[in-house]
Each structure stands twice: as C-alpha cells, then as structure tokens.
Amino acid sequence: MGLCVQIENVSKQFASKQVLQNITLHIETGKIVGLLGNNGSGKTTICKMLAGLSRPTEGSVSIDGIPVGYQTKSIVSFMPDKATFEKWMKVEDIVTFFQDFYRDFNSEKAKAMLTFMKLDKQEKIVDLSKGMMERLQLTLALSRDAKLYVLDEPIGGVDPIAREKILDAIIEFYHEESTLLISTHLIKDIERIFDEVIFVKDGSIAIHENVEDIRFKRKVSVHDLFREVYGDC
C-alpha cells in the first residue's frame, strides 16, 4: 500500500541537549505500530514532528509523500499526552468545536464512539476522571478521517479497566486504510494490537521489527524484549 511515514536522517537538538540522533524510519500504510521507549527516549519528540508541532534540526519528515507542514495537518490526527481543554466546557462543546475546526471530522463516528466509551455529552470537563478524559481524547482523535493517527501515551496513568476500554475502542474504530502510531511505555497491556514495534533508546532507533517475527524468531513477547532492551522500567 506504500509508505505513510518517511523520516530521513533526522536529528533534533534543544539548546545543548541532543534528543534525536540521525534517525531514519519508514512506516507502511495500514499498520498499527507501537513507538516504545522509556521516559526521555525521544518518543514524544517524534510524535510532535509527525504532527507538525516540532521541526527537525536536520533531516526531513514526510507523511504520505508530503513534507510535514501546513498541508499535512489535514491528514494527521494527533492525540497529545496531556489534554488542553477548557474546564468550563462540556463534552458536547468540545465535539462541536472539533466538528467546526476539522473538515474531516466524522460526526457519526464521534456519536458512535461516545456511546461505546460511555461518555455523557452533558458532562463537564472538570468532572471527568483521568480515564474518562483519555476516552474523550481518543474519541476526538479517531473521529477524524485521517491518513495517520498519532497517539501519545493514550493509556498512560489510567486503571486497567479504562485501558481495556481504550484498546477495544482502537480496534473497533480504527480504519485499516490508515496508519496508527501509538507511543507508550506500557507494553504488556497493549502489545496484542501491534503489527510492528519501534524501540527508541537514547534518541536512536534500537529496534524496528514485525511483532510476529519477535514472537516466532526471537521467541519472546514484546514486553519481554522491552525489558531486555531497557531493563525493568
């Protein structure tokens, strides 16, 4: 189906800190890919670059053959690791805002996801638990008809029940012609949905491999391989 993500010889430096070091990464269309690593490994920087929120110091980043910039904002849906909603808003206010702001926002899909997630449209943001907030963010991100979905720590800090609901929603509402990149350090609960995994360590790509190859050739789970590479994180 071709390449969705092309990262070529990318480095990123913030002041004197080197965050990414000459990484090259190709992700095919139609894959669910785990972007794995411990805190500070460079995962969020990669996510922000794909979303057009950060520029590489060196190298190039393209989505669907288009250099990341104004044009790619309409084909990339980004879920940040922290919500930035106004607390006075209700769930329905935020859904309406996204519907007005993004041309590709699918209202019917959003409605179905709100029901699936058991989210009340009249609920105020200030009253939502962390798990419910994660569900709302995921609903907004996946309700766009995008080419690439980038989810930064979508299950970070929520309880196991909320994690299962979020993973079930990803499987239920993910479109197979799009590409899904999920950044996380919580491997055990989520590895079942990945086609491929990318291990980021100290700003470099340590491993980029098909999950089935890890299980059958290396004869370990993704979680066990993660512990080998990073230790008990």
C-alpha atoms as a PDB file:
ATOM      1  CA  MET A   1       0.000   0.000   0.000  1.00  0.00           C
ATOM      2  CA  GLY A   2       3.014   2.288   0.070  1.00  0.00           C
ATOM      3  CA  LEU A   3       4.690   4.337   2.761  1.00  0.00           C
ATOM      4  CA  CYS A   4       2.750   6.563   5.129  1.00  0.00           C
ATOM      5  CA  VAL A   5       5.656   7.872   7.238  1.00  0.00           C
ATOM      6  CA  GLN A   6       9.125   8.717   5.956  1.00  0.00           C
ATOM      7  CA  ILE A   7      11.665  10.056   8.433  1.00  0.00           C
ATOM      8  CA  GLU A   8      15.065  10.522   6.814  1.00  0.00           C
ATOM      9  CA  ASN A   9      18.287  11.204   8.752  1.00  0.00           C
ATOM     10  CA  VAL A  10      16.502  13.281  11.370  1.00  0.00           C
ATOM     11  CA  SER A  11      18.253  14.833  14.344  1.00  0.00           C
ATOM     12  CA  LYS A  12      16.734  17.159  16.934  1.00  0.00           C
ATOM     13  CA  GLN A  13      18.525  19.343  19.420  1.00  0.00           C
ATOM     14  CA  PHE A  14      17.058  21.535  22.158  1.00  0.00           C
ATOM     15  CA  ALA A  15      19.732  24.026  23.272  1.00  0.00           C
ATOM     16  CA  SER A  16      22.646  21.771  24.279  1.00  0.00           C
ATOM     17  CA  LYS A  17      20.557  18.583  24.573  1.00  0.00           C
ATOM     18  CA  GLN A  18      20.550  16.109  21.663  1.00  0.00           C
ATOM     19  CA  VAL A  19      17.085  14.484  21.715  1.00  0.00           C
ATOM     20  CA  LEU A  20      17.157  12.558  18.401  1.00  0.00           C
ATOM     21  CA  GLN A  21      20.304  11.347  16.643  1.00  0.00           C
ATOM     22  CA  ASN A  22      20.200  10.754  12.887  1.00  0.00           C
ATOM     23  CA  ILE A  23      17.115   8.507  12.834  1.00  0.00           C
ATOM     24  CA  THR A  24      15.625   7.015   9.666  1.00  0.00           C
ATOM     25  CA  LEU A  25      12.194   5.426   9.890  1.00  0.00           C
ATOM     26  CA  HIS A  26       9.709   4.146   7.301  1.00  0.00           C
ATOM     27  CA  ILE A  27       6.178   3.038   8.234  1.00  0.00           C
ATOM     28  CA  GLU A  28       3.843   1.427   5.726  1.00  0.00           C
ATOM     29  CA  THR A  29       0.220   2.414   5.263  1.00  0.00           C
ATOM     30  CA  GLY A  30      -2.331   0.220   7.055  1.00  0.00           C
ATOM     31  CA  LYS A  31      -0.205  -0.700  10.073  1.00  0.00           C
ATOM     32  CA  ILE A  32      -0.737  -0.333  13.816  1.00  0.00           C
ATOM     33  CA  VAL A  33       2.721   0.479  15.130  1.00  0.00           C
ATOM     34  CA  GLY A  34       3.984   0.784  18.691  1.00  0.00           C
ATOM     35  CA  LEU A  35       6.522   3.541  19.354  1.00  0.00           C
ATOM     36  CA  LEU A  36       8.121   2.210  22.514  1.00  0.00           C
ATOM     37  CA  GLY A  37      10.687   3.539  24.932  1.00  0.00           C
ATOM     38  CA  ASN A  38      11.228   4.742  28.467  1.00  0.00           C
ATOM     39  CA  ASN A  39      10.644   8.335  29.543  1.00  0.00           C
ATOM     40  CA  GLY A  40      13.011  10.776  27.831  1.00  0.00           C
ATOM     41  CA  SER A  41      13.865   8.387  24.983  1.00  0.00           C
ATOM     42  CA  GLY A  42      12.576  10.759  22.260  1.00  0.00           C
ATOM     43  CA  LYS A  43       9.113   9.259  21.592  1.00  0.00           C
ATOM     44  CA  THR A  44       7.136  12.458  22.188  1.00  0.00           C
ATOM     45  CA  THR A  45       9.533  14.463  20.012  1.00  0.00           C
ATOM     46  CA  ILE A  46       8.918  12.055  17.121  1.00  0.00           C
ATOM     47  CA  CYS A  47       5.145  12.336  17.674  1.00  0.00           C
ATOM     48  CA  LYS A  48       5.265  16.129  17.670  1.00  0.00           C
ATOM     49  CA  MET A  49       7.343  16.166  14.490  1.00  0.00           C
ATOM     50  CA  LEU A  50       4.794  13.990  12.702  1.00  0.00           C
ATOM     51  CA  ALA A  51       2.030  16.307  13.927  1.00  0.00           C
ATOM     52  CA  GLY A  52       3.900  19.351  12.645  1.00  0.00           C
ATOM     53  CA  LEU A  53       4.400  20.800  16.137  1.00  0.00           C
ATOM     54  CA  SER A  54       8.185  20.475  16.116  1.00  0.00           C
ATOM     55  CA  ARG A  55      10.739  20.762  13.318  1.00  0.00           C
ATOM     56  CA  PRO A  56      13.881  18.641  12.971  1.00  0.00           C
ATOM     57  CA  THR A  57      17.247  20.301  13.400  1.00  0.00           C
ATOM     58  CA  GLU A  58      18.458  18.158  10.497  1.00  0.00           C
ATOM     59  CA  GLY A  59      16.778  15.750   8.074  1.00  0.00           C
ATOM     60  CA  SER A  60      13.260  15.511   6.647  1.00  0.00           C
ATOM     61  CA  VAL A  61       9.838  14.182   7.690  1.00  0.00           C
ATOM     62  CA  SER A  62       7.052  13.334   5.204  1.00  0.00           C
ATOM     63  CA  ILE A  63       3.526  11.957   5.551  1.00  0.00           C
ATOM     64  CA  ASP A  64       2.043  10.177   2.535  1.00  0.00           C
ATOM     65  CA  GLY A  65       4.802  11.712   0.394  1.00  0.00           C
ATOM     66  CA  ILE A  66       4.073  15.278   1.578  1.00  0.00           C
ATOM     67  CA  PRO A  67       6.709  17.146   3.639  1.00  0.00           C
ATOM     68  CA  VAL A  68       5.338  17.859   7.124  1.00  0.00           C
ATOM     69  CA  GLY A  69       3.852  21.335   7.248  1.00  0.00           C
ATOM     70  CA  TYR A  70       0.578  23.120   6.694  1.00  0.00           C
ATOM     71  CA  GLN A  71      -0.668  20.556   4.147  1.00  0.00           C
ATOM     72  CA  THR A  72      -0.124  17.526   6.373  1.00  0.00           C
ATOM     73  CA  LYS A  73      -2.174  18.954   9.269  1.00  0.00           C
ATOM     74  CA  SER A  74      -5.280  17.894   7.351  1.00  0.00           C
ATOM     75  CA  ILE A  75      -4.170  14.240   7.122  1.00  0.00           C
ATOM     76  CA  VAL A  76      -2.630  13.740  10.581  1.00  0.00           C
ATOM     77  CA  SER A  77      -4.746  13.365  13.734  1.00  0.00           C
ATOM     78  CA  PHE A  78      -2.701  13.850  16.905  1.00  0.00           C
ATOM     79  CA  MET A  79      -3.664  12.915  20.456  1.00  0.00           C
ATOM     80  CA  PRO A  80      -1.227  14.630  22.869  1.00  0.00           C
ATOM     81  CA  ASP A  81      -0.260  13.053  26.177  1.00  0.00           C
ATOM     82  CA  LYS A  82      -1.996  15.892  28.080  1.00  0.00           C
ATOM     83  CA  ALA A  83      -5.409  17.376  27.349  1.00  0.00           C
ATOM     84  CA  THR A  84      -5.683  21.152  26.917  1.00  0.00           C
ATOM     85  CA  PHE A  85      -9.460  21.579  27.092  1.00  0.00           C
ATOM     86  CA  GLU A  86     -11.111  24.468  28.946  1.00  0.00           C
ATOM     87  CA  LYS A  87     -12.566  23.114  32.172  1.00  0.00           C
ATOM     88  CA  TRP A  88     -15.855  25.018  31.837  1.00  0.00           C
ATOM     89  CA  MET A  89     -16.668  23.141  28.612  1.00  0.00           C
ATOM     90  CA  LYS A  90     -18.951  20.151  28.335  1.00  0.00           C
ATOM     91  CA  VAL A  91     -18.173  17.057  26.266  1.00  0.00           C
ATOM     92  CA  GLU A  92     -20.621  18.183  23.572  1.00  0.00           C
ATOM     93  CA  ASP A  93     -18.934  21.629  23.398  1.00  0.00           C
ATOM     94  CA  ILE A  94     -15.587  20.043  22.568  1.00  0.00           C
ATOM     95  CA  VAL A  95     -17.116  17.696  19.989  1.00  0.00           C
ATOM     96  CA  THR A  96     -18.801  20.694  18.316  1.00  0.00           C
ATOM     97  CA  PHE A  97     -15.516  22.607  18.349  1.00  0.00           C
ATOM     98  CA  PHE A  98     -13.695  19.736  16.616  1.00  0.00           C
ATOM     99  CA  GLN A  99     -16.538  19.363  14.134  1.00  0.00           C
ATOM    100  CA  ASP A 100     -16.284  23.057  13.210  1.00  0.00           C
ATOM    101  CA  PHE A 101     -12.471  23.110  13.144  1.00  0.00           C
ATOM    102  CA  TYR A 102     -11.677  19.929  11.180  1.00  0.00           C
ATOM    103  CA  ARG A 103     -13.253  19.306   7.781  1.00  0.00           C
ATOM    104  CA  ASP A 104     -12.599  15.575   8.072  1.00  0.00           C
ATOM    105  CA  PHE A 105     -14.352  15.226  11.434  1.00  0.00           C
ATOM    106  CA  ASN A 106     -16.864  12.380  11.194  1.00  0.00           C
ATOM    107  CA  SER A 107     -19.845  13.284  13.403  1.00  0.00           C
ATOM    108  CA  GLU A 108     -21.476   9.866  13.074  1.00  0.00           C
ATOM    109  CA  LYS A 109     -18.292   8.127  14.123  1.00  0.00           C
ATOM    110  CA  ALA A 110     -17.935  10.526  17.076  1.00  0.00           C
ATOM    111  CA  LYS A 111     -21.503   9.774  18.161  1.00  0.00           C
ATOM    112  CA  ALA A 112     -20.872   6.021  17.979  1.00  0.00           C
ATOM    113  CA  MET A 113     -17.612   6.366  19.910  1.00  0.00           C
ATOM    114  CA  LEU A 114     -19.193   8.462  22.655  1.00  0.00           C
ATOM    115  CA  THR A 115     -21.775   5.710  23.146  1.00  0.00           C
ATOM    116  CA  PHE A 116     -19.099   2.979  23.056  1.00  0.00           C
ATOM    117  CA  MET A 117     -16.975   4.907  25.571  1.00  0.00           C
ATOM    118  CA  LYS A 118     -19.989   5.580  27.826  1.00  0.00           C
ATOM    119  CA  LEU A 119     -19.321   9.332  27.704  1.00  0.00           C
ATOM    120  CA  ASP A 120     -22.174  11.673  28.618  1.00  0.00           C
ATOM    121  CA  LYS A 121     -22.342  14.680  26.274  1.00  0.00           C
ATOM    122  CA  GLN A 122     -23.587  16.874  29.130  1.00  0.00           C
ATOM    123  CA  GLU A 123     -20.688  16.003  31.432  1.00  0.00           C
ATOM    124  CA  LYS A 124     -18.371  18.892  32.270  1.00  0.00           C
ATOM    125  CA  ILE A 125     -14.635  18.500  31.635  1.00  0.00           C
ATOM    126  CA  VAL A 126     -13.866  19.453  35.216  1.00  0.00           C
ATOM    127  CA  ASP A 127     -15.879  16.440  36.423  1.00  0.00           C
ATOM    128  CA  LEU A 128     -14.222  13.813  34.202  1.00  0.00           C
ATOM    129  CA  SER A 129     -11.838  11.270  35.715  1.00  0.00           C
ATOM    130  CA  LYS A 130      -8.439  10.738  34.087  1.00  0.00           C
ATOM    131  CA  GLY A 131      -9.716   7.563  32.444  1.00  0.00           C
ATOM    132  CA  MET A 132     -12.782   9.344  31.039  1.00  0.00           C
ATOM    133  CA  MET A 133     -10.582  12.179  29.791  1.00  0.00           C
ATOM    134  CA  GLU A 134      -8.399   9.648  27.940  1.00  0.00           C
ATOM    135  CA  ARG A 135     -11.538   8.163  26.385  1.00  0.00           C
ATOM    136  CA  LEU A 136     -12.688  11.611  25.241  1.00  0.00           C
ATOM    137  CA  GLN A 137      -9.308  12.472  23.735  1.00  0.00           C
ATOM    138  CA  LEU A 138      -9.248   9.175  21.849  1.00  0.00           C
ATOM    139  CA  THR A 139     -12.791   9.736  20.600  1.00  0.00           C
ATOM    140  CA  LEU A 140     -11.833  13.139  19.200  1.00  0.00           C
ATOM    141  CA  ALA A 141      -8.636  11.847  17.585  1.00  0.00           C
ATOM    142  CA  LEU A 142     -10.173   8.764  15.950  1.00  0.00           C
ATOM    143  CA  SER A 143     -13.299  10.614  14.772  1.00  0.00           C
ATOM    144  CA  ARG A 144     -11.266  12.383  12.123  1.00  0.00           C
ATOM    145  CA  ASP A 145     -10.912  10.628   8.743  1.00  0.00           C
ATOM    146  CA  ALA A 146      -7.123  10.983   8.715  1.00  0.00           C
ATOM    147  CA  LYS A 147      -4.307   9.138   6.923  1.00  0.00           C
ATOM    148  CA  LEU A 148      -2.148   8.970  10.069  1.00  0.00           C
ATOM    149  CA  TYR A 149      -3.227   8.820  13.701  1.00  0.00           C
ATOM    150  CA  VAL A 150      -0.550   9.607  16.288  1.00  0.00           C
ATOM    151  CA  LEU A 151      -1.492   8.761  19.879  1.00  0.00           C
ATOM    152  CA  ASP A 152       0.983   9.865  22.547  1.00  0.00           C
ATOM    153  CA  GLU A 153       0.610   7.731  25.700  1.00  0.00           C
ATOM    154  CA  PRO A 154      -3.149   7.037  25.263  1.00  0.00           C
ATOM    155  CA  ILE A 155      -3.238   4.660  28.253  1.00  0.00           C
ATOM    156  CA  GLY A 156      -0.735   6.448  30.487  1.00  0.00           C
ATOM    157  CA  GLY A 157      -1.833   6.684  34.101  1.00  0.00           C
ATOM    158  CA  VAL A 158      -5.280   5.073  33.761  1.00  0.00           C
ATOM    159  CA  ASP A 159      -6.533   1.969  35.508  1.00  0.00           C
ATOM    160  CA  PRO A 160      -6.586  -1.481  33.797  1.00  0.00           C
ATOM    161  CA  ILE A 161     -10.345  -1.345  33.113  1.00  0.00           C
ATOM    162  CA  ALA A 162     -10.003   2.013  31.348  1.00  0.00           C
ATOM    163  CA  ARG A 163      -7.030   0.654  29.369  1.00  0.00           C
ATOM    164  CA  GLU A 164      -9.089  -2.281  28.108  1.00  0.00           C
ATOM    165  CA  LYS A 165     -11.905   0.050  27.039  1.00  0.00           C
ATOM    166  CA  ILE A 166      -9.460   2.305  25.191  1.00  0.00           C
ATOM    167  CA  LEU A 167      -7.784  -0.640  23.412  1.00  0.00           C
ATOM    168  CA  ASP A 168     -11.167  -2.094  22.472  1.00  0.00           C
ATOM    169  CA  ALA A 169     -12.147   1.282  21.003  1.00  0.00           C
ATOM    170  CA  ILE A 170      -8.949   1.474  18.950  1.00  0.00           C
ATOM    171  CA  ILE A 171      -9.643  -1.968  17.455  1.00  0.00           C
ATOM    172  CA  GLU A 172     -13.338  -1.194  16.890  1.00  0.00           C
ATOM    173  CA  PHE A 173     -12.939   2.213  15.234  1.00  0.00           C
ATOM    174  CA  TYR A 174      -9.526   2.028  13.539  1.00  0.00           C
ATOM    175  CA  HIS A 175      -9.749   2.200   9.733  1.00  0.00           C
ATOM    176  CA  GLU A 176      -7.475  -0.345   8.020  1.00  0.00           C
ATOM    177  CA  GLU A 177      -6.542   2.023   5.182  1.00  0.00           C
ATOM    178  CA  SER A 178      -4.994   4.449   7.634  1.00  0.00           C
ATOM    179  CA  THR A 179      -1.894   4.132   9.813  1.00  0.00           C
ATOM    180  CA  LEU A 180      -1.865   4.239  13.596  1.00  0.00           C
ATOM    181  CA  LEU A 181       1.243   5.098  15.632  1.00  0.00           C
ATOM    182  CA  ILE A 182       0.933   4.643  19.391  1.00  0.00           C
ATOM    183  CA  SER A 183       3.621   5.948  21.722  1.00  0.00           C
ATOM    184  CA  THR A 184       3.759   4.141  25.069  1.00  0.00           C
ATOM    185  CA  HIS A 185       5.975   2.615  27.731  1.00  0.00           C
ATOM    186  CA  LEU A 186       3.151   0.346  28.994  1.00  0.00           C
ATOM    187  CA  ILE A 187       3.743  -2.680  26.781  1.00  0.00           C
ATOM    188  CA  LYS A 188       2.071  -5.646  28.431  1.00  0.00           C
ATOM    189  CA  ASP A 189      -1.497  -4.387  28.083  1.00  0.00           C
ATOM    190  CA  ILE A 190      -1.232  -3.088  24.540  1.00  0.00           C
ATOM    191  CA  GLU A 191       1.155  -5.306  22.552  1.00  0.00           C
ATOM    192  CA  ARG A 192      -1.714  -7.513  21.329  1.00  0.00           C
ATOM    193  CA  ILE A 193      -2.892  -4.830  18.879  1.00  0.00           C
ATOM    194  CA  PHE A 194       0.507  -4.016  17.271  1.00  0.00           C
ATOM    195  CA  ASP A 195       1.633  -5.142  13.805  1.00  0.00           C
ATOM    196  CA  GLU A 196       5.113  -3.656  14.289  1.00  0.00           C
ATOM    197  CA  VAL A 197       7.086  -2.073  17.111  1.00  0.00           C
ATOM    198  CA  ILE A 198       9.792   0.566  17.133  1.00  0.00           C
ATOM    199  CA  PHE A 199      12.093   0.793  20.150  1.00  0.00           C
ATOM    200  CA  VAL A 200      13.545   4.259  20.740  1.00  0.00           C
ATOM    201  CA  LYS A 201      16.528   4.426  23.079  1.00  0.00           C
ATOM    202  CA  ASP A 202      18.653   7.485  23.845  1.00  0.00           C
ATOM    203  CA  GLY A 203      17.353   9.293  20.768  1.00  0.00           C
ATOM    204  CA  SER A 204      18.107   6.450  18.335  1.00  0.00           C
ATOM    205  CA  ILE A 205      16.105   3.585  16.798  1.00  0.00           C
ATOM    206  CA  ALA A 206      17.212   0.439  18.634  1.00  0.00           C
ATOM    207  CA  ILE A 207      14.731  -1.994  17.005  1.00  0.00           C
ATOM    208  CA  HIS A 208      12.086  -1.777  14.270  1.00  0.00           C
ATOM    209  CA  GLU A 209      10.528  -5.186  13.799  1.00  0.00           C
ATOM    210  CA  ASN A 210       7.359  -7.072  12.955  1.00  0.00           C
ATOM    211  CA  VAL A 211       5.650  -8.366  16.109  1.00  0.00           C
ATOM    212  CA  GLU A 212       5.202 -11.869  14.686  1.00  0.00           C
ATOM    213  CA  ASP A 213       8.951 -12.060  13.980  1.00  0.00           C
ATOM    214  CA  ILE A 214       9.674 -11.103  17.579  1.00  0.00           C
ATOM    215  CA  ARG A 215       7.387 -13.858  18.857  1.00  0.00           C
ATOM    216  CA  PHE A 216       8.409 -16.634  16.473  1.00  0.00           C
ATOM    217  CA  LYS A 217      12.053 -15.841  15.621  1.00  0.00           C
ATOM    218  CA  ARG A 218      13.227 -14.290  18.877  1.00  0.00           C
ATOM    219  CA  LYS A 219      10.745 -16.467  20.828  1.00  0.00           C
ATOM    220  CA  VAL A 220       9.885 -13.696  23.300  1.00  0.00           C
ATOM    221  CA  SER A 221       6.953 -11.339  23.827  1.00  0.00           C
ATOM    222  CA  VAL A 222       7.282  -7.652  23.006  1.00  0.00           C
ATOM    223  CA  HIS A 223       7.071  -6.951  26.737  1.00  0.00           C
ATOM    224  CA  ASP A 224       9.980  -9.316  27.495  1.00  0.00           C
ATOM    225  CA  LEU A 225      12.067  -7.830  24.685  1.00  0.00           C
ATOM    226  CA  PHE A 226      11.339  -4.360  26.055  1.00  0.00           C
ATOM    227  CA  ARG A 227      12.654  -5.430  29.467  1.00  0.00           C
ATOM    228  CA  GLU A 228      15.800  -6.805  27.811  1.00  0.00           C
ATOM    229  CA  VAL A 229      16.452  -3.523  25.990  1.00  0.00           C
ATOM    230  CA  TYR A 230      15.510  -1.074  28.739  1.00  0.00           C
ATOM    231  CA  GLY A 231      15.685  -3.036  31.972  1.00  0.00           C
ATOM    232  CA  ASP A 232      12.762  -3.106  34.426  1.00  0.00           C
ATOM    233  CA  CYS A 233      11.182   0.238  33.516  1.00  0.00           C
END
